[in-house]
Every structure is written in structure tokens, then in C-alpha cells.
N, C-alpha and C. Protein backbone atom coordinates (compact mmCIF):
# COMPACT_ATOMS: atom_id res chain seq x y z
N MET A 1 -98.96 142.47 -73.71
CA MET A 1 -98.31 141.35 -73.01
C MET A 1 -99.37 140.64 -72.15
N ASN A 2 -99.48 139.44 -72.12
CA ASN A 2 -100.39 138.81 -71.25
C ASN A 2 -99.92 137.57 -70.75
N LEU A 3 -100.40 136.75 -69.95
CA LEU A 3 -99.92 135.65 -69.12
C LEU A 3 -99.62 134.47 -70.02
N VAL A 4 -100.52 134.43 -71.15
CA VAL A 4 -100.46 133.03 -71.99
C VAL A 4 -99.24 133.32 -72.89
N ARG A 5 -99.04 134.47 -73.31
CA ARG A 5 -97.83 134.74 -74.15
C ARG A 5 -96.43 134.60 -73.40
N ALA A 6 -96.53 135.07 -72.00
CA ALA A 6 -95.47 135.11 -71.21
C ALA A 6 -95.06 133.53 -70.79
N GLU A 7 -96.08 132.74 -70.67
CA GLU A 7 -95.73 131.51 -70.29
C GLU A 7 -95.31 130.68 -71.57
N ARG A 8 -95.72 130.99 -72.73
CA ARG A 8 -95.07 130.19 -74.01
C ARG A 8 -93.62 130.80 -74.12
N MET A 9 -93.40 131.98 -73.77
CA MET A 9 -91.92 132.47 -73.84
C MET A 9 -91.25 131.71 -72.71
N LEU A 10 -91.53 131.40 -71.82
CA LEU A 10 -90.83 130.65 -70.60
C LEU A 10 -90.74 129.23 -71.04
N ASP A 11 -91.75 128.61 -71.59
CA ASP A 11 -91.58 127.39 -72.09
C ASP A 11 -90.41 127.13 -73.14
N ARG A 12 -90.38 128.18 -74.06
CA ARG A 12 -89.20 128.11 -74.99
C ARG A 12 -87.99 128.45 -74.26
N ALA A 13 -87.93 129.26 -73.39
CA ALA A 13 -86.70 129.58 -72.63
C ALA A 13 -86.18 128.28 -72.02
N GLN A 14 -87.09 127.80 -71.22
CA GLN A 14 -86.72 126.53 -70.49
C GLN A 14 -86.33 125.37 -71.36
N ARG A 15 -86.82 125.06 -72.52
CA ARG A 15 -86.29 124.04 -73.42
C ARG A 15 -85.00 124.44 -73.82
N ALA A 16 -84.67 125.57 -74.13
CA ALA A 16 -83.32 126.16 -74.49
C ALA A 16 -82.32 125.95 -73.50
N ALA A 17 -82.73 126.43 -72.14
CA ALA A 17 -81.75 126.17 -71.09
C ALA A 17 -81.45 124.76 -70.84
N GLU A 18 -82.51 123.88 -70.78
CA GLU A 18 -82.49 122.38 -70.63
C GLU A 18 -81.44 121.77 -71.71
N ALA A 19 -81.54 122.28 -72.96
CA ALA A 19 -80.76 121.72 -74.09
C ALA A 19 -79.30 122.11 -73.91
N LYS A 20 -79.14 123.25 -73.20
CA LYS A 20 -77.81 123.72 -72.82
C LYS A 20 -77.07 122.93 -71.50
N GLY A 21 -78.05 122.39 -70.84
CA GLY A 21 -77.74 121.74 -69.54
C GLY A 21 -77.69 122.60 -68.24
N VAL A 22 -78.25 123.71 -68.67
CA VAL A 22 -77.97 124.91 -67.42
C VAL A 22 -79.28 125.08 -66.78
N ALA A 23 -79.43 125.03 -65.50
CA ALA A 23 -80.67 125.28 -64.69
C ALA A 23 -80.78 126.87 -64.46
N MET A 24 -81.66 127.56 -64.90
CA MET A 24 -81.79 128.86 -64.79
C MET A 24 -83.10 129.34 -64.28
N ALA A 25 -83.13 130.64 -63.94
CA ALA A 25 -84.36 131.32 -63.57
C ALA A 25 -84.67 132.09 -64.75
N LEU A 26 -86.11 132.28 -65.00
CA LEU A 26 -86.58 132.92 -66.15
C LEU A 26 -87.75 133.83 -65.79
N ALA A 27 -87.79 134.97 -66.46
CA ALA A 27 -88.98 135.97 -66.08
C ALA A 27 -89.39 136.61 -67.34
N VAL A 28 -90.67 137.09 -67.28
CA VAL A 28 -91.16 137.96 -68.37
C VAL A 28 -91.88 139.16 -67.41
N VAL A 29 -91.44 140.38 -67.81
CA VAL A 29 -92.27 141.45 -67.28
C VAL A 29 -92.83 142.36 -68.32
N ASP A 30 -93.97 143.08 -67.82
CA ASP A 30 -94.76 144.12 -68.63
C ASP A 30 -93.98 145.29 -68.92
N ALA A 31 -94.61 146.09 -69.83
CA ALA A 31 -93.93 147.41 -70.07
C ALA A 31 -93.66 148.19 -68.90
N GLY A 32 -94.15 147.96 -67.80
CA GLY A 32 -94.00 148.89 -66.59
C GLY A 32 -92.84 148.18 -65.79
N GLY A 33 -92.34 147.04 -66.17
CA GLY A 33 -91.34 146.28 -65.48
C GLY A 33 -91.92 145.39 -64.28
N HIS A 34 -93.24 145.16 -64.21
CA HIS A 34 -93.92 144.34 -63.41
C HIS A 34 -93.97 142.93 -63.74
N PRO A 35 -93.62 141.96 -62.91
CA PRO A 35 -93.46 140.52 -63.32
C PRO A 35 -94.88 139.96 -63.68
N ILE A 36 -94.95 139.45 -64.89
CA ILE A 36 -96.08 138.64 -65.47
C ILE A 36 -95.93 137.11 -64.95
N ALA A 37 -94.68 136.49 -65.27
CA ALA A 37 -94.50 135.10 -65.22
C ALA A 37 -92.96 135.01 -64.91
N MET A 38 -92.75 133.92 -63.80
CA MET A 38 -91.22 133.83 -63.55
C MET A 38 -91.24 132.29 -63.15
N ARG A 39 -90.15 131.72 -63.57
CA ARG A 39 -89.75 130.34 -63.29
C ARG A 39 -88.41 130.25 -62.63
N ARG A 40 -88.12 129.40 -61.82
CA ARG A 40 -86.77 129.04 -61.38
C ARG A 40 -86.75 127.33 -61.37
N MET A 41 -85.96 126.93 -62.51
CA MET A 41 -85.81 125.78 -62.75
C MET A 41 -85.12 125.06 -61.52
N ASP A 42 -85.46 123.64 -61.54
CA ASP A 42 -84.70 122.75 -60.37
C ASP A 42 -83.29 123.00 -60.45
N GLY A 43 -82.80 123.35 -59.41
CA GLY A 43 -81.04 123.30 -59.49
C GLY A 43 -80.62 124.91 -59.84
N ALA A 44 -81.41 125.68 -60.19
CA ALA A 44 -81.10 127.06 -60.48
C ALA A 44 -80.59 127.71 -59.23
N SER A 45 -79.62 128.51 -59.17
CA SER A 45 -79.12 129.19 -58.00
C SER A 45 -80.06 130.28 -57.50
N LYS A 46 -79.86 130.40 -56.15
CA LYS A 46 -81.02 131.49 -55.64
C LYS A 46 -80.50 132.79 -56.10
N ILE A 47 -79.36 133.17 -56.32
CA ILE A 47 -78.93 134.54 -57.02
C ILE A 47 -79.76 134.78 -58.40
N ALA A 48 -79.72 133.48 -58.94
CA ALA A 48 -80.39 133.66 -60.48
C ALA A 48 -81.78 134.05 -60.27
N GLY A 49 -82.52 133.43 -59.13
CA GLY A 49 -83.94 133.82 -58.90
C GLY A 49 -84.07 135.14 -58.46
N ASP A 50 -83.14 135.69 -57.72
CA ASP A 50 -83.21 137.04 -57.33
C ASP A 50 -82.91 138.02 -58.22
N THR A 51 -82.16 137.86 -59.28
CA THR A 51 -81.67 138.82 -60.32
C THR A 51 -82.42 138.72 -61.59
N VAL A 52 -83.24 137.69 -61.84
CA VAL A 52 -83.82 137.65 -63.18
C VAL A 52 -85.05 138.82 -63.44
N VAL A 53 -85.78 139.01 -62.52
CA VAL A 53 -86.85 140.18 -62.59
C VAL A 53 -86.03 141.28 -62.72
N PRO A 54 -85.17 141.87 -61.91
CA PRO A 54 -84.64 143.13 -62.13
C PRO A 54 -83.60 143.24 -63.60
N LYS A 55 -83.22 142.01 -63.94
CA LYS A 55 -82.43 142.11 -65.26
C LYS A 55 -83.56 142.28 -66.42
N ALA A 56 -84.79 141.70 -66.22
CA ALA A 56 -85.81 142.00 -67.38
C ALA A 56 -86.04 143.49 -67.27
N ARG A 57 -86.37 144.09 -66.00
CA ARG A 57 -86.70 145.31 -65.84
C ARG A 57 -85.71 146.23 -66.31
N THR A 58 -84.33 145.81 -66.14
CA THR A 58 -83.28 146.66 -66.81
C THR A 58 -83.55 146.93 -68.30
N ALA A 59 -83.94 145.83 -68.93
CA ALA A 59 -84.06 145.99 -70.54
C ALA A 59 -85.18 146.81 -70.71
N ILE A 60 -86.33 146.89 -69.96
CA ILE A 60 -87.35 147.91 -70.12
C ILE A 60 -86.89 149.07 -70.05
N HIS A 61 -86.23 149.44 -68.71
CA HIS A 61 -85.98 150.81 -68.43
C HIS A 61 -85.04 151.66 -69.51
N PHE A 62 -83.99 150.56 -69.97
CA PHE A 62 -82.98 151.27 -70.90
C PHE A 62 -83.53 151.00 -72.46
N GLY A 63 -84.51 150.26 -72.57
CA GLY A 63 -85.14 150.11 -73.92
C GLY A 63 -84.15 149.33 -74.87
N ARG A 64 -83.41 148.50 -74.28
CA ARG A 64 -82.43 147.67 -75.14
C ARG A 64 -81.95 146.42 -74.28
N ALA A 65 -81.43 145.64 -75.10
CA ALA A 65 -80.71 144.35 -74.39
C ALA A 65 -79.76 144.84 -73.45
N THR A 66 -80.02 144.01 -72.22
CA THR A 66 -79.03 144.38 -71.13
C THR A 66 -77.57 143.98 -71.47
N ALA A 67 -77.13 143.35 -72.49
CA ALA A 67 -75.90 143.03 -73.00
C ALA A 67 -75.39 144.50 -73.44
N GLU A 68 -76.11 145.15 -74.15
CA GLU A 68 -75.88 146.44 -74.56
C GLU A 68 -75.65 147.50 -73.42
N VAL A 69 -76.56 147.41 -72.31
CA VAL A 69 -76.26 148.30 -71.26
C VAL A 69 -75.11 147.91 -70.49
N VAL A 70 -74.71 146.66 -70.41
CA VAL A 70 -73.55 146.23 -69.75
C VAL A 70 -72.20 147.08 -70.42
N GLU A 71 -72.22 146.90 -71.66
CA GLU A 71 -71.29 147.46 -72.60
C GLU A 71 -71.01 148.96 -72.27
N ALA A 72 -72.44 149.63 -72.40
CA ALA A 72 -72.41 151.15 -72.18
C ALA A 72 -71.82 151.28 -70.77
N ALA A 73 -72.14 150.55 -69.67
CA ALA A 73 -71.63 150.77 -68.36
C ALA A 73 -70.28 150.75 -68.27
N ARG A 74 -69.65 149.98 -68.98
CA ARG A 74 -68.07 149.60 -69.01
C ARG A 74 -67.42 150.93 -69.43
N LYS A 75 -68.11 151.75 -70.26
CA LYS A 75 -67.54 153.08 -70.76
C LYS A 75 -67.85 154.05 -69.88
N ASN A 76 -68.98 154.02 -69.33
CA ASN A 76 -69.54 155.22 -68.30
C ASN A 76 -69.75 154.49 -66.93
N PRO A 77 -68.90 153.99 -66.05
CA PRO A 77 -69.21 153.25 -64.86
C PRO A 77 -69.74 154.06 -63.75
N VAL A 78 -69.24 155.60 -63.74
CA VAL A 78 -69.86 156.22 -62.65
C VAL A 78 -71.29 156.66 -63.03
N VAL A 79 -71.83 156.93 -64.14
CA VAL A 79 -73.11 157.22 -64.62
C VAL A 79 -73.94 155.97 -64.43
N TYR A 80 -73.48 154.92 -64.76
CA TYR A 80 -74.47 153.86 -64.54
C TYR A 80 -74.30 153.40 -63.24
N ALA A 81 -73.42 153.65 -62.41
CA ALA A 81 -73.40 153.13 -61.04
C ALA A 81 -74.52 154.12 -60.19
N SER A 82 -74.70 155.45 -60.74
CA SER A 82 -75.70 156.33 -60.22
C SER A 82 -77.14 155.89 -60.72
N PHE A 83 -77.37 155.40 -61.71
CA PHE A 83 -78.58 154.80 -62.16
C PHE A 83 -78.83 153.66 -61.32
N LEU A 84 -77.94 152.72 -60.93
CA LEU A 84 -78.28 151.53 -59.98
C LEU A 84 -78.61 152.04 -58.65
N GLU A 85 -77.88 153.09 -58.20
CA GLU A 85 -78.29 153.59 -56.97
C GLU A 85 -79.82 154.20 -56.92
N ALA A 86 -79.90 155.07 -57.99
CA ALA A 86 -81.31 155.62 -58.13
C ALA A 86 -82.41 154.70 -58.12
N SER A 87 -82.08 153.48 -58.72
CA SER A 87 -83.21 152.56 -58.84
C SER A 87 -83.29 151.70 -57.58
N GLU A 88 -82.68 151.90 -56.53
CA GLU A 88 -82.95 151.19 -55.34
C GLU A 88 -82.78 149.69 -55.57
N SER A 89 -81.83 149.04 -56.21
CA SER A 89 -81.87 147.60 -56.50
C SER A 89 -82.77 147.15 -57.29
N ARG A 90 -83.55 147.84 -58.20
CA ARG A 90 -84.51 147.40 -58.92
C ARG A 90 -83.94 147.13 -60.46
N LEU A 91 -82.64 147.51 -60.64
CA LEU A 91 -82.05 147.15 -61.90
C LEU A 91 -80.68 146.62 -61.51
N VAL A 92 -80.16 145.81 -62.59
CA VAL A 92 -79.00 145.15 -62.56
C VAL A 92 -77.98 145.24 -63.81
N LEU A 93 -76.98 145.24 -63.76
CA LEU A 93 -76.15 145.19 -64.96
C LEU A 93 -75.58 143.72 -65.26
N SER A 94 -76.33 143.11 -65.85
CA SER A 94 -75.99 141.76 -66.19
C SER A 94 -76.82 141.29 -67.53
N MET A 95 -75.89 140.53 -68.33
CA MET A 95 -76.49 140.17 -69.63
C MET A 95 -77.63 139.17 -69.58
N GLY A 96 -78.43 139.10 -70.58
CA GLY A 96 -79.61 138.05 -70.56
C GLY A 96 -80.90 138.72 -70.56
N GLY A 97 -81.29 139.99 -70.46
CA GLY A 97 -82.56 140.52 -70.64
C GLY A 97 -82.68 141.32 -71.97
N ILE A 98 -83.87 141.04 -72.51
CA ILE A 98 -84.17 141.58 -73.82
C ILE A 98 -85.55 142.06 -73.86
N PRO A 99 -85.68 143.42 -74.48
CA PRO A 99 -87.06 143.80 -74.64
C PRO A 99 -87.92 143.04 -75.61
N ILE A 100 -89.25 142.93 -75.35
CA ILE A 100 -90.19 142.47 -76.30
C ILE A 100 -90.80 143.47 -76.93
N ILE A 101 -90.59 143.40 -78.29
CA ILE A 101 -91.06 144.73 -79.01
C ILE A 101 -92.27 144.14 -80.07
N ASP A 102 -93.44 144.89 -79.83
CA ASP A 102 -94.51 144.32 -80.64
C ASP A 102 -94.45 144.82 -82.22
N THR A 103 -95.31 144.58 -83.21
CA THR A 103 -95.18 144.77 -84.48
C THR A 103 -94.99 146.39 -84.66
N ASP A 104 -95.83 147.12 -83.89
CA ASP A 104 -95.77 148.48 -83.93
C ASP A 104 -94.56 149.31 -83.46
N GLY A 105 -93.58 148.38 -83.06
CA GLY A 105 -92.26 149.01 -82.55
C GLY A 105 -92.44 149.41 -81.00
N ALA A 106 -93.54 149.20 -80.41
CA ALA A 106 -93.66 149.60 -78.91
C ALA A 106 -92.93 148.43 -78.10
N ILE A 107 -92.24 148.68 -76.93
CA ILE A 107 -91.86 147.84 -76.11
C ILE A 107 -92.97 147.35 -75.14
N VAL A 108 -93.48 146.29 -75.17
CA VAL A 108 -94.40 145.79 -74.43
C VAL A 108 -94.04 144.77 -73.13
N GLY A 109 -92.86 144.68 -73.04
CA GLY A 109 -92.36 143.85 -71.93
C GLY A 109 -90.88 143.57 -72.02
N ALA A 110 -90.43 142.41 -71.34
CA ALA A 110 -89.06 141.96 -71.60
C ALA A 110 -88.95 140.66 -70.98
N ILE A 111 -88.19 139.72 -71.57
CA ILE A 111 -87.75 138.45 -71.08
C ILE A 111 -86.19 138.47 -70.52
N ALA A 112 -86.05 137.74 -69.45
CA ALA A 112 -84.72 137.42 -69.06
C ALA A 112 -84.33 136.20 -68.57
N ALA A 113 -83.18 135.66 -68.66
CA ALA A 113 -82.67 134.45 -68.20
C ALA A 113 -81.50 134.80 -67.19
N SER A 114 -81.37 133.91 -66.21
CA SER A 114 -80.21 134.04 -65.34
C SER A 114 -79.89 132.72 -64.81
N GLY A 115 -78.54 132.58 -64.66
CA GLY A 115 -77.92 131.39 -63.98
C GLY A 115 -76.94 130.70 -64.85
N GLY A 116 -76.78 131.13 -66.11
CA GLY A 116 -75.55 130.63 -66.75
C GLY A 116 -74.54 131.79 -67.10
N THR A 117 -73.66 131.52 -68.17
CA THR A 117 -72.62 132.65 -68.33
C THR A 117 -73.67 133.53 -69.05
N GLY A 118 -72.87 134.81 -69.14
CA GLY A 118 -73.77 136.06 -69.85
C GLY A 118 -74.21 135.55 -71.43
N ALA A 119 -73.39 134.93 -72.05
CA ALA A 119 -73.73 134.45 -73.45
C ALA A 119 -74.86 133.37 -73.44
N GLU A 120 -74.86 132.59 -72.31
CA GLU A 120 -75.90 131.43 -72.27
C GLU A 120 -77.26 132.13 -71.76
N ASP A 121 -77.30 132.94 -71.03
CA ASP A 121 -78.36 133.86 -70.57
C ASP A 121 -79.05 134.63 -71.79
N VAL A 122 -78.24 135.24 -72.56
CA VAL A 122 -78.68 136.04 -73.96
C VAL A 122 -79.10 134.89 -74.96
N ALA A 123 -78.45 133.66 -75.08
CA ALA A 123 -78.98 132.91 -76.02
C ALA A 123 -80.30 132.17 -75.61
N VAL A 124 -80.57 131.97 -74.39
CA VAL A 124 -81.84 131.49 -73.91
C VAL A 124 -82.96 132.39 -74.08
N SER A 125 -82.61 133.63 -73.72
CA SER A 125 -83.62 134.84 -73.82
C SER A 125 -83.93 134.92 -75.29
N GLU A 126 -82.96 134.84 -76.18
CA GLU A 126 -83.44 134.96 -77.60
C GLU A 126 -84.14 134.01 -77.97
N ALA A 127 -83.83 132.76 -77.63
CA ALA A 127 -84.57 131.46 -78.01
C ALA A 127 -86.28 131.72 -77.46
N ALA A 128 -86.46 132.37 -76.45
CA ALA A 128 -87.56 132.67 -75.81
C ALA A 128 -88.50 133.41 -76.89
N LEU A 129 -87.77 134.29 -77.56
CA LEU A 129 -88.57 135.25 -78.40
C LEU A 129 -88.70 134.63 -79.98
N GLU A 130 -87.99 133.58 -80.11
CA GLU A 130 -88.26 133.04 -81.50
C GLU A 130 -89.63 132.50 -81.74
N ASN A 131 -90.11 132.75 -82.97
CA ASN A 131 -91.37 132.38 -83.10
C ASN A 131 -92.53 133.00 -82.28
N ASP A 132 -92.24 134.17 -81.66
CA ASP A 132 -93.33 134.70 -80.66
C ASP A 132 -94.50 135.18 -81.42
N GLN A 133 -95.62 134.70 -81.09
CA GLN A 133 -96.88 135.19 -81.69
C GLN A 133 -97.37 136.12 -80.74
N GLN A 134 -97.73 137.31 -81.12
CA GLN A 134 -98.43 138.39 -80.14
C GLN A 134 -99.98 138.24 -80.26
């Protein structure tokens, strides 16, 4: 994962958010959960900006889309509450984070969108991954 690739993803995500008419915060993190690139579109809420990196980081730590993590947390709330406590607010249970998987199957980062409905956040993150060139 590098800055050029991350910026291309954010460009695609921003276009998708604009097409939906939703101002969002967008972020790409590396395999360690460290931010590579982040954008907060004009009009995006402050909370979207605060949660987008933790959302991407959550996809990294669980190795799956945060929509799946949210569903698992519904079934095991005490376990997932303990994960959030242990993470010291570095993770969040919110839809819209998706791992970035290289051709060899390794997770090399994650993309996240925040500021819309859960479904909008997921759709924008998915759009960011379309036609991704490693």
C-alpha cells in the first residue's frame, strides 16, 4: 500500500459519495492500521472525520468488512464490547470499512467511508476498490 494507490482510492470514493449527494470522511490505512491518506469532504460531519480511521483500522484488526463485524457484535455484544474496551477507542463498530487484499491474498490495508447511512458507507468503500490497480 502506498500513497499514490491510496489517493486513487479516495478519488473513486469521493466521486461515489458525490454521486450519492453525501458528504463523507474517507480514509485508507496500511496493514498496521496507520493512516496513509484521509479526506473530509466539505460538509461532512465532525464525527465522520473522527471515526473514519478507526473504522478502517477495525477492518484490519478483524480481517473482514466492518459490516460483518457489526453483525457478529450483535450476536456477541459482551465479547465485542470487551474488544472495544481493550482497543482504547482505536476501533469502532460501524459499517463502511473494508480490507484491501492484494493478489496474493494478504491484507495490505483498508478503506473506510463515514458520514452516510451504513449502506451508503459500504457502497462508497466498495466503489473505492473497483478497478484497483496494485
